[in-house]
Amino acid sequence: MNPDGGTPVLPIRRALVSVYDKTGLDRLAAALKAAGIVAVSTGGTARALQGYGVSVEDVSSITGFPEVLDGRVKTLHPN
């Protein structure tokens, strides 16, 4: 419950992260790692985050489907 008695605050456990320009990703990675948040990502973003020590879960493990259109579409479920 929120300290003020309002809406309950749920902890953030996972974050979907997909970026084209990796500039500044190190700062986001540090915040995710410090908060114990698992990044859900694919491809180059996943490799970069893992390089910064962030725990990463592949998007396809959630959707059950691989990336499509040569990796340009990663998070849409075909059904």
N, C-alpha and C. Protein backbone atom coordinates (compact mmCIF):
# COMPACT_ATOMS: atom_id res chain seq x y z
N MET A 1 0.85 -1.17 0.00
CA MET A 1 0.00 0.00 0.00
C MET A 1 0.89 1.23 0.00
N ASN A 2 0.47 2.23 -0.70
CA ASN A 2 1.17 3.50 -0.74
C ASN A 2 1.19 4.12 0.66
N PRO A 3 2.26 4.79 1.05
CA PRO A 3 2.33 5.39 2.39
C PRO A 3 1.18 6.34 2.71
N ASP A 4 0.63 6.98 1.68
CA ASP A 4 -0.47 7.92 1.93
C ASP A 4 -1.83 7.22 1.97
N GLY A 5 -1.83 5.89 1.87
CA GLY A 5 -3.08 5.13 1.93
C GLY A 5 -3.81 5.05 0.60
N GLY A 6 -3.20 5.55 -0.46
CA GLY A 6 -3.83 5.55 -1.78
C GLY A 6 -3.64 4.24 -2.51
N THR A 7 -3.57 4.33 -3.80
CA THR A 7 -3.43 3.17 -4.67
C THR A 7 -2.18 2.38 -4.32
N PRO A 8 -2.29 1.05 -4.26
CA PRO A 8 -1.12 0.23 -3.96
C PRO A 8 -0.03 0.42 -5.01
N VAL A 9 1.21 0.42 -4.56
CA VAL A 9 2.35 0.55 -5.46
C VAL A 9 2.93 -0.84 -5.68
N LEU A 10 2.98 -1.26 -6.93
CA LEU A 10 3.53 -2.57 -7.26
C LEU A 10 4.99 -2.41 -7.66
N PRO A 11 5.84 -3.32 -7.24
CA PRO A 11 7.25 -3.22 -7.62
C PRO A 11 7.43 -3.51 -9.11
N ILE A 12 8.36 -2.82 -9.73
CA ILE A 12 8.70 -3.08 -11.13
C ILE A 12 9.70 -4.22 -11.14
N ARG A 13 9.39 -5.27 -11.88
CA ARG A 13 10.27 -6.44 -11.92
C ARG A 13 10.94 -6.61 -13.28
N ARG A 14 10.22 -6.19 -14.35
CA ARG A 14 10.75 -6.32 -15.71
C ARG A 14 10.46 -5.04 -16.49
N ALA A 15 11.33 -4.76 -17.46
CA ALA A 15 11.15 -3.60 -18.33
C ALA A 15 11.48 -4.00 -19.76
N LEU A 16 10.61 -3.64 -20.69
CA LEU A 16 10.86 -3.88 -22.11
C LEU A 16 11.80 -2.79 -22.60
N VAL A 17 12.96 -3.20 -23.10
CA VAL A 17 13.96 -2.23 -23.57
C VAL A 17 14.38 -2.60 -24.98
N SER A 18 14.16 -1.69 -25.92
CA SER A 18 14.58 -1.87 -27.30
C SER A 18 15.01 -0.51 -27.83
N VAL A 19 16.28 -0.37 -28.15
CA VAL A 19 16.78 0.91 -28.63
C VAL A 19 17.61 0.73 -29.89
N TYR A 20 17.53 1.69 -30.78
CA TYR A 20 18.34 1.69 -31.99
C TYR A 20 19.68 2.36 -31.69
N ASP A 21 19.61 3.55 -31.11
CA ASP A 21 20.81 4.31 -30.75
C ASP A 21 21.19 3.96 -29.31
N LYS A 22 22.30 3.30 -29.13
CA LYS A 22 22.71 2.81 -27.81
C LYS A 22 23.40 3.89 -26.96
N THR A 23 23.47 5.12 -27.46
CA THR A 23 24.07 6.22 -26.70
C THR A 23 23.32 6.41 -25.39
N GLY A 24 24.03 6.41 -24.28
CA GLY A 24 23.41 6.61 -22.97
C GLY A 24 22.80 5.36 -22.36
N LEU A 25 22.87 4.24 -23.09
CA LEU A 25 22.30 3.00 -22.57
C LEU A 25 23.00 2.56 -21.28
N ASP A 26 24.25 2.95 -21.12
CA ASP A 26 24.98 2.59 -19.91
C ASP A 26 24.31 3.17 -18.66
N ARG A 27 23.76 4.37 -18.77
CA ARG A 27 23.09 4.99 -17.61
C ARG A 27 21.79 4.26 -17.28
N LEU A 28 21.03 3.92 -18.32
CA LEU A 28 19.79 3.15 -18.09
C LEU A 28 20.14 1.79 -17.51
N ALA A 29 21.16 1.15 -18.05
CA ALA A 29 21.58 -0.16 -17.56
C ALA A 29 21.95 -0.11 -16.08
N ALA A 30 22.67 0.93 -15.69
CA ALA A 30 23.07 1.06 -14.28
C ALA A 30 21.84 1.19 -13.38
N ALA A 31 20.84 1.94 -13.82
CA ALA A 31 19.62 2.11 -13.02
C ALA A 31 18.84 0.80 -12.94
N LEU A 32 18.73 0.08 -14.06
CA LEU A 32 18.03 -1.20 -14.05
C LEU A 32 18.72 -2.19 -13.12
N LYS A 33 20.04 -2.25 -13.23
CA LYS A 33 20.81 -3.18 -12.41
C LYS A 33 20.68 -2.84 -10.93
N ALA A 34 20.77 -1.56 -10.59
CA ALA A 34 20.66 -1.13 -9.19
C ALA A 34 19.30 -1.45 -8.60
N ALA A 35 18.26 -1.40 -9.44
CA ALA A 35 16.90 -1.66 -8.97
C ALA A 35 16.53 -3.14 -9.03
N GLY A 36 17.43 -3.97 -9.58
CA GLY A 36 17.15 -5.40 -9.68
C GLY A 36 16.09 -5.73 -10.72
N ILE A 37 15.98 -4.89 -11.73
CA ILE A 37 14.98 -5.07 -12.78
C ILE A 37 15.57 -5.90 -13.91
N VAL A 38 14.81 -6.89 -14.39
CA VAL A 38 15.22 -7.71 -15.52
C VAL A 38 14.75 -7.01 -16.79
N ALA A 39 15.65 -6.85 -17.75
CA ALA A 39 15.29 -6.26 -19.04
C ALA A 39 14.75 -7.35 -19.95
N VAL A 40 13.67 -7.05 -20.63
CA VAL A 40 13.13 -7.94 -21.66
C VAL A 40 13.55 -7.29 -22.97
N SER A 41 14.35 -8.01 -23.76
CA SER A 41 14.94 -7.38 -24.93
C SER A 41 15.35 -8.43 -25.95
N THR A 42 15.86 -7.96 -27.09
CA THR A 42 16.34 -8.85 -28.14
C THR A 42 17.60 -8.29 -28.76
N GLY A 43 18.28 -9.12 -29.51
CA GLY A 43 19.37 -8.69 -30.36
C GLY A 43 20.45 -7.85 -29.72
N GLY A 44 20.79 -6.77 -30.43
CA GLY A 44 21.88 -5.90 -30.01
C GLY A 44 21.64 -5.22 -28.68
N THR A 45 20.39 -4.85 -28.42
CA THR A 45 20.09 -4.22 -27.14
C THR A 45 20.33 -5.20 -26.00
N ALA A 46 19.91 -6.44 -26.18
CA ALA A 46 20.12 -7.46 -25.14
C ALA A 46 21.61 -7.67 -24.90
N ARG A 47 22.39 -7.77 -25.97
CA ARG A 47 23.83 -7.97 -25.82
C ARG A 47 24.48 -6.79 -25.10
N ALA A 48 24.07 -5.59 -25.46
CA ALA A 48 24.63 -4.40 -24.81
C ALA A 48 24.29 -4.38 -23.32
N LEU A 49 23.04 -4.65 -22.99
CA LEU A 49 22.62 -4.65 -21.58
C LEU A 49 23.36 -5.72 -20.79
N GLN A 50 23.50 -6.91 -21.38
CA GLN A 50 24.24 -7.98 -20.71
C GLN A 50 25.69 -7.56 -20.48
N GLY A 51 26.26 -6.81 -21.42
CA GLY A 51 27.61 -6.31 -21.28
C GLY A 51 27.76 -5.35 -20.10
N TYR A 52 26.66 -4.69 -19.75
CA TYR A 52 26.66 -3.79 -18.59
C TYR A 52 26.25 -4.52 -17.31
N GLY A 53 26.05 -5.83 -17.40
CA GLY A 53 25.74 -6.62 -16.21
C GLY A 53 24.27 -6.70 -15.84
N VAL A 54 23.39 -6.32 -16.78
CA VAL A 54 21.95 -6.37 -16.52
C VAL A 54 21.43 -7.77 -16.86
N SER A 55 20.53 -8.30 -16.04
CA SER A 55 19.87 -9.56 -16.36
C SER A 55 18.90 -9.31 -17.50
N VAL A 56 18.94 -10.18 -18.53
CA VAL A 56 18.11 -9.99 -19.71
C VAL A 56 17.33 -11.26 -20.01
N GLU A 57 16.05 -11.09 -20.30
CA GLU A 57 15.18 -12.18 -20.75
C GLU A 57 14.81 -11.89 -22.19
N ASP A 58 14.93 -12.88 -23.07
CA ASP A 58 14.63 -12.68 -24.48
C ASP A 58 13.12 -12.54 -24.69
N VAL A 59 12.72 -11.60 -25.54
CA VAL A 59 11.30 -11.36 -25.82
C VAL A 59 10.62 -12.64 -26.30
N SER A 60 11.31 -13.43 -27.12
CA SER A 60 10.69 -14.63 -27.67
C SER A 60 10.33 -15.65 -26.59
N SER A 61 10.98 -15.59 -25.43
CA SER A 61 10.61 -16.50 -24.34
C SER A 61 9.25 -16.13 -23.75
N ILE A 62 8.83 -14.90 -23.97
CA ILE A 62 7.52 -14.46 -23.49
C ILE A 62 6.45 -14.65 -24.56
N THR A 63 6.78 -14.23 -25.81
CA THR A 63 5.80 -14.32 -26.89
C THR A 63 5.68 -15.73 -27.46
N GLY A 64 6.76 -16.50 -27.34
CA GLY A 64 6.76 -17.84 -27.91
C GLY A 64 7.04 -17.83 -29.41
N PHE A 65 7.42 -16.66 -29.95
CA PHE A 65 7.68 -16.52 -31.38
C PHE A 65 8.98 -15.74 -31.59
N PRO A 66 9.72 -16.08 -32.66
CA PRO A 66 10.96 -15.36 -32.94
C PRO A 66 10.68 -13.98 -33.54
N GLU A 67 11.74 -13.19 -33.65
CA GLU A 67 11.63 -11.89 -34.33
C GLU A 67 11.21 -12.14 -35.78
N VAL A 68 10.52 -11.17 -36.38
CA VAL A 68 10.12 -11.28 -37.78
C VAL A 68 10.61 -10.07 -38.56
N LEU A 69 10.52 -10.15 -39.87
CA LEU A 69 10.97 -9.09 -40.78
C LEU A 69 12.42 -8.70 -40.50
N ASP A 70 13.28 -9.71 -40.50
CA ASP A 70 14.72 -9.49 -40.28
C ASP A 70 15.02 -8.76 -38.99
N GLY A 71 14.24 -9.02 -37.95
CA GLY A 71 14.50 -8.42 -36.65
C GLY A 71 13.86 -7.07 -36.43
N ARG A 72 13.14 -6.55 -37.44
CA ARG A 72 12.53 -5.23 -37.28
C ARG A 72 11.28 -5.27 -36.40
N VAL A 73 10.62 -6.43 -36.34
CA VAL A 73 9.44 -6.58 -35.48
C VAL A 73 9.78 -7.63 -34.44
N LYS A 74 9.72 -7.24 -33.17
CA LYS A 74 10.17 -8.12 -32.10
C LYS A 74 9.10 -8.45 -31.07
N THR A 75 8.15 -7.56 -30.88
CA THR A 75 7.24 -7.72 -29.75
C THR A 75 5.79 -7.98 -30.14
N LEU A 76 5.49 -8.10 -31.42
CA LEU A 76 4.12 -8.39 -31.82
C LEU A 76 3.89 -9.89 -31.81
N HIS A 77 2.77 -10.29 -31.28
CA HIS A 77 2.39 -11.70 -31.26
C HIS A 77 1.51 -11.94 -32.48
N PRO A 78 1.83 -12.94 -33.32
CA PRO A 78 1.09 -13.13 -34.56
C PRO A 78 -0.35 -13.61 -34.38
N ASN A 79 -0.71 -14.03 -33.20
CA ASN A 79 -2.09 -14.47 -32.99
C ASN A 79 -2.85 -13.35 -32.36
